[in-house]
Amino acid sequence: MPMEMRSPTLQAHFRLIQSQRTAIYERLAGCSREELWAPLAPGKWSRGEHLVHLARTLELIRKIARIAIPLLTPFAWLFRNRPFERHSPDVYAEYEQKHGRPMKAPSLIVPARRPEMDLDPLRAELQRQTVKLEALLVRVPEEIAGHIRFLDPPGHNPNLIQAVHILAIHEAHHFKAMFP
């Protein structure tokens, strides 16, 4: 992170994301390009596609936040002294339990068929998108971030802090799917 975040909870959620990635990258280290891009089962994504999806998800969240933060900060400021949630439930497990199948990805973040590449460029893109999101959020105070809400019914309309926690949960869900 370029500098200390004004929200300690956001910083903790980003650290969780990084620690999860460290663990999955260790498991992926021995994968050949063929193993990285081979579908895990018929009709399922490859490990590479999971990583592309995660990078696209970060990019989409960042673009939404870039618009939402300046628009919603004045309203969040009015509520800054009220309590707010700092963690989110595992909405992916809830969905799967309720519907008996994993949640479908919106078409905007479904991995496009692109030339197969090695692990390092995928890691770099995921990190690049993370750094861009961190840079956007670094100056948002905790009491404001806790009241900037996103319209996301499956995610229970999370605040900004919960949205980053959902990103960590989302990555953990995909990392688990990459090594069934």
Protein backbone atom coordinates (compact mmCIF):
# COMPACT_ATOMS: atom_id res chain seq x y z
CA MET A 1 0.00 0.00 0.00
CA PRO A 2 1.35 3.43 -0.89
CA MET A 3 0.40 5.00 2.46
CA GLU A 4 -1.51 4.21 5.63
CA MET A 5 -5.24 4.02 4.99
CA ARG A 6 -7.52 6.28 6.99
CA SER A 7 -9.75 3.27 7.57
CA PRO A 8 -8.06 0.58 9.67
CA THR A 9 -10.77 -1.92 8.74
CA LEU A 10 -10.28 -1.35 5.01
CA GLN A 11 -6.56 -1.83 5.53
CA ALA A 12 -7.20 -5.10 7.39
CA HIS A 13 -9.46 -6.36 4.59
CA PHE A 14 -6.77 -5.57 1.99
CA ARG A 15 -4.21 -7.43 4.12
CA LEU A 16 -6.55 -10.44 4.20
CA ILE A 17 -6.80 -10.32 0.40
CA GLN A 18 -3.01 -10.24 0.09
CA SER A 19 -2.48 -13.11 2.54
CA GLN A 20 -5.02 -15.27 0.71
CA ARG A 21 -3.26 -14.56 -2.58
CA THR A 22 0.12 -15.46 -1.15
CA ALA A 23 -1.25 -18.87 -0.18
CA ILE A 24 -2.91 -19.53 -3.56
CA TYR A 25 0.13 -18.35 -5.53
CA GLU A 26 2.23 -20.90 -3.64
CA ARG A 27 -0.17 -23.63 -4.77
CA LEU A 28 -0.19 -22.32 -8.34
CA ALA A 29 3.60 -22.02 -8.54
CA GLY A 30 4.06 -25.51 -9.96
CA CYS A 31 1.27 -25.26 -12.54
CA SER A 32 2.23 -25.36 -16.18
CA ARG A 33 0.48 -23.05 -18.66
CA GLU A 34 -1.63 -26.03 -19.78
CA GLU A 35 -2.68 -26.80 -16.20
CA LEU A 36 -3.44 -23.12 -15.56
CA TRP A 37 -5.79 -22.88 -18.54
CA ALA A 38 -7.34 -26.36 -18.54
CA PRO A 39 -10.99 -26.33 -17.43
CA LEU A 40 -11.29 -27.86 -13.97
CA ALA A 41 -14.33 -29.85 -15.12
CA PRO A 42 -16.59 -29.81 -18.18
CA GLY A 43 -18.34 -26.45 -18.31
CA LYS A 44 -16.19 -25.02 -15.48
CA TRP A 45 -13.58 -22.29 -15.60
CA SER A 46 -9.85 -22.91 -15.60
CA ARG A 47 -7.63 -21.55 -12.83
CA GLY A 48 -6.47 -18.83 -15.21
CA GLU A 49 -10.05 -17.82 -15.94
CA HIS A 50 -10.73 -17.57 -12.21
CA LEU A 51 -7.82 -15.13 -11.88
CA VAL A 52 -8.98 -13.09 -14.90
CA HIS A 53 -12.47 -12.93 -13.35
CA LEU A 54 -11.05 -11.68 -10.03
CA ALA A 55 -9.09 -8.91 -11.79
CA ARG A 56 -12.18 -7.87 -13.77
CA THR A 57 -14.23 -7.83 -10.56
CA LEU A 58 -11.71 -5.50 -8.89
CA GLU A 59 -11.71 -3.24 -11.93
CA LEU A 60 -15.52 -3.02 -11.95
CA ILE A 61 -15.73 -2.30 -8.20
CA ARG A 62 -13.09 0.41 -8.58
CA LYS A 63 -14.99 2.07 -11.43
CA ILE A 64 -18.23 2.02 -9.44
CA ALA A 65 -16.48 3.34 -6.31
CA ARG A 66 -14.81 6.12 -8.31
CA ILE A 67 -18.29 7.42 -9.13
CA ALA A 68 -20.02 6.55 -5.85
CA ILE A 69 -17.50 7.99 -3.39
CA PRO A 70 -17.70 11.64 -4.50
CA LEU A 71 -21.48 11.42 -4.94
CA LEU A 72 -22.25 9.71 -1.64
CA THR A 73 -19.61 11.24 0.66
CA PRO A 74 -21.76 14.30 1.55
CA PHE A 75 -24.61 11.99 2.61
CA ALA A 76 -22.24 9.64 4.45
CA TRP A 77 -20.79 12.63 6.29
CA LEU A 78 -24.26 13.35 7.74
CA PHE A 79 -24.34 9.85 9.27
CA ARG A 80 -20.64 9.63 10.24
CA ASN A 81 -21.38 9.35 13.97
CA ARG A 82 -23.81 6.46 13.59
CA PRO A 83 -22.73 2.82 13.94
CA PHE A 84 -22.08 0.68 10.85
CA GLU A 85 -21.05 -2.87 9.99
CA ARG A 86 -17.39 -3.62 9.27
CA HIS A 87 -17.74 -7.20 8.02
CA SER A 88 -20.03 -8.99 5.63
CA PRO A 89 -21.54 -12.46 5.74
CA ASP A 90 -20.38 -14.97 3.14
CA VAL A 91 -23.00 -14.09 0.53
CA TYR A 92 -21.65 -16.75 -1.85
CA ALA A 93 -22.17 -19.57 0.66
CA GLU A 94 -25.62 -18.15 1.53
CA TYR A 95 -26.58 -18.10 -2.15
CA GLU A 96 -25.33 -21.63 -2.77
CA GLN A 97 -27.17 -22.94 0.28
CA LYS A 98 -30.41 -21.21 -0.75
CA HIS A 99 -30.29 -22.03 -4.47
CA GLY A 100 -28.31 -25.28 -4.48
CA ARG A 101 -25.77 -23.92 -6.98
CA PRO A 102 -23.03 -21.30 -7.09
CA MET A 103 -23.89 -17.70 -7.95
CA LYS A 104 -23.55 -16.86 -11.65
CA ALA A 105 -21.11 -14.10 -12.52
CA PRO A 106 -22.57 -11.04 -14.28
CA SER A 107 -21.55 -10.91 -17.93
CA LEU A 108 -19.36 -7.83 -17.30
CA ILE A 109 -16.93 -9.89 -15.24
CA VAL A 110 -17.08 -13.25 -16.98
CA PRO A 111 -13.58 -13.93 -18.29
CA ALA A 112 -13.36 -13.25 -22.00
CA ARG A 113 -11.54 -15.83 -24.04
CA ARG A 114 -8.08 -14.36 -24.31
CA PRO A 115 -4.76 -15.80 -25.27
CA GLU A 116 -3.47 -18.08 -22.59
CA MET A 117 -0.66 -16.51 -20.61
CA ASP A 118 1.62 -17.52 -17.81
CA LEU A 119 0.83 -16.99 -14.15
CA ASP A 120 3.06 -13.92 -13.70
CA PRO A 121 1.07 -11.58 -16.01
CA LEU A 122 -2.16 -12.71 -14.32
CA ARG A 123 -0.71 -12.01 -10.88
CA ALA A 124 0.53 -8.63 -12.09
CA GLU A 125 -2.90 -7.63 -13.43
CA LEU A 126 -4.63 -8.70 -10.22
CA GLN A 127 -2.10 -6.69 -8.19
CA ARG A 128 -2.40 -3.69 -10.52
CA GLN A 129 -6.17 -3.60 -10.06
CA THR A 130 -5.78 -3.98 -6.28
CA VAL A 131 -3.28 -1.11 -6.05
CA LYS A 132 -5.61 1.12 -8.07
CA LEU A 133 -8.52 0.33 -5.74
CA GLU A 134 -6.35 0.91 -2.64
CA ALA A 135 -5.20 4.26 -4.04
CA LEU A 136 -8.83 5.28 -4.54
CA LEU A 137 -9.79 4.32 -0.96
CA VAL A 138 -6.64 5.37 0.95
CA ARG A 139 -8.01 8.77 2.01
CA VAL A 140 -11.57 7.70 2.83
CA PRO A 141 -12.08 7.88 6.61
CA GLU A 142 -13.58 4.83 8.31
CA GLU A 143 -16.67 6.73 9.52
CA ILE A 144 -17.42 7.87 5.95
CA ALA A 145 -16.60 4.52 4.30
CA GLY A 146 -19.03 2.84 6.69
CA HIS A 147 -21.90 4.91 5.31
CA ILE A 148 -21.18 4.84 1.56
CA ARG A 149 -23.53 2.10 0.37
CA PHE A 150 -23.68 0.14 -2.87
CA LEU A 151 -26.87 -1.12 -4.46
CA ASP A 152 -26.12 -4.84 -4.47
CA PRO A 153 -29.08 -6.96 -3.27
CA PRO A 154 -27.18 -10.29 -3.29
CA GLY A 155 -24.48 -8.61 -1.16
CA HIS A 156 -27.11 -7.13 1.20
CA ASN A 157 -26.34 -3.60 -0.10
CA PRO A 158 -22.91 -3.38 1.55
CA ASN A 159 -21.15 -0.26 2.67
CA LEU A 160 -17.71 0.45 1.24
CA ILE A 161 -15.91 -1.42 4.04
CA GLN A 162 -18.18 -4.45 3.66
CA ALA A 163 -17.72 -4.35 -0.13
CA VAL A 164 -13.96 -4.78 0.28
CA HIS A 165 -14.60 -7.60 2.76
CA ILE A 166 -16.89 -9.21 0.14
CA LEU A 167 -13.98 -8.97 -2.32
CA ALA A 168 -11.88 -11.00 0.14
CA ILE A 169 -14.70 -13.53 0.58
CA HIS A 170 -15.15 -13.64 -3.20
CA GLU A 171 -11.47 -14.37 -3.78
CA ALA A 172 -11.49 -17.08 -1.10
CA HIS A 173 -14.54 -18.64 -2.81
CA HIS A 174 -12.69 -18.74 -6.15
CA PHE A 175 -9.45 -19.99 -4.61
CA LYS A 176 -11.40 -22.87 -3.05
CA ALA A 177 -12.96 -23.65 -6.45
CA MET A 178 -9.51 -23.63 -8.09
CA PHE A 179 -8.39 -26.56 -5.95
CA PRO A 180 -11.48 -28.71 -5.29
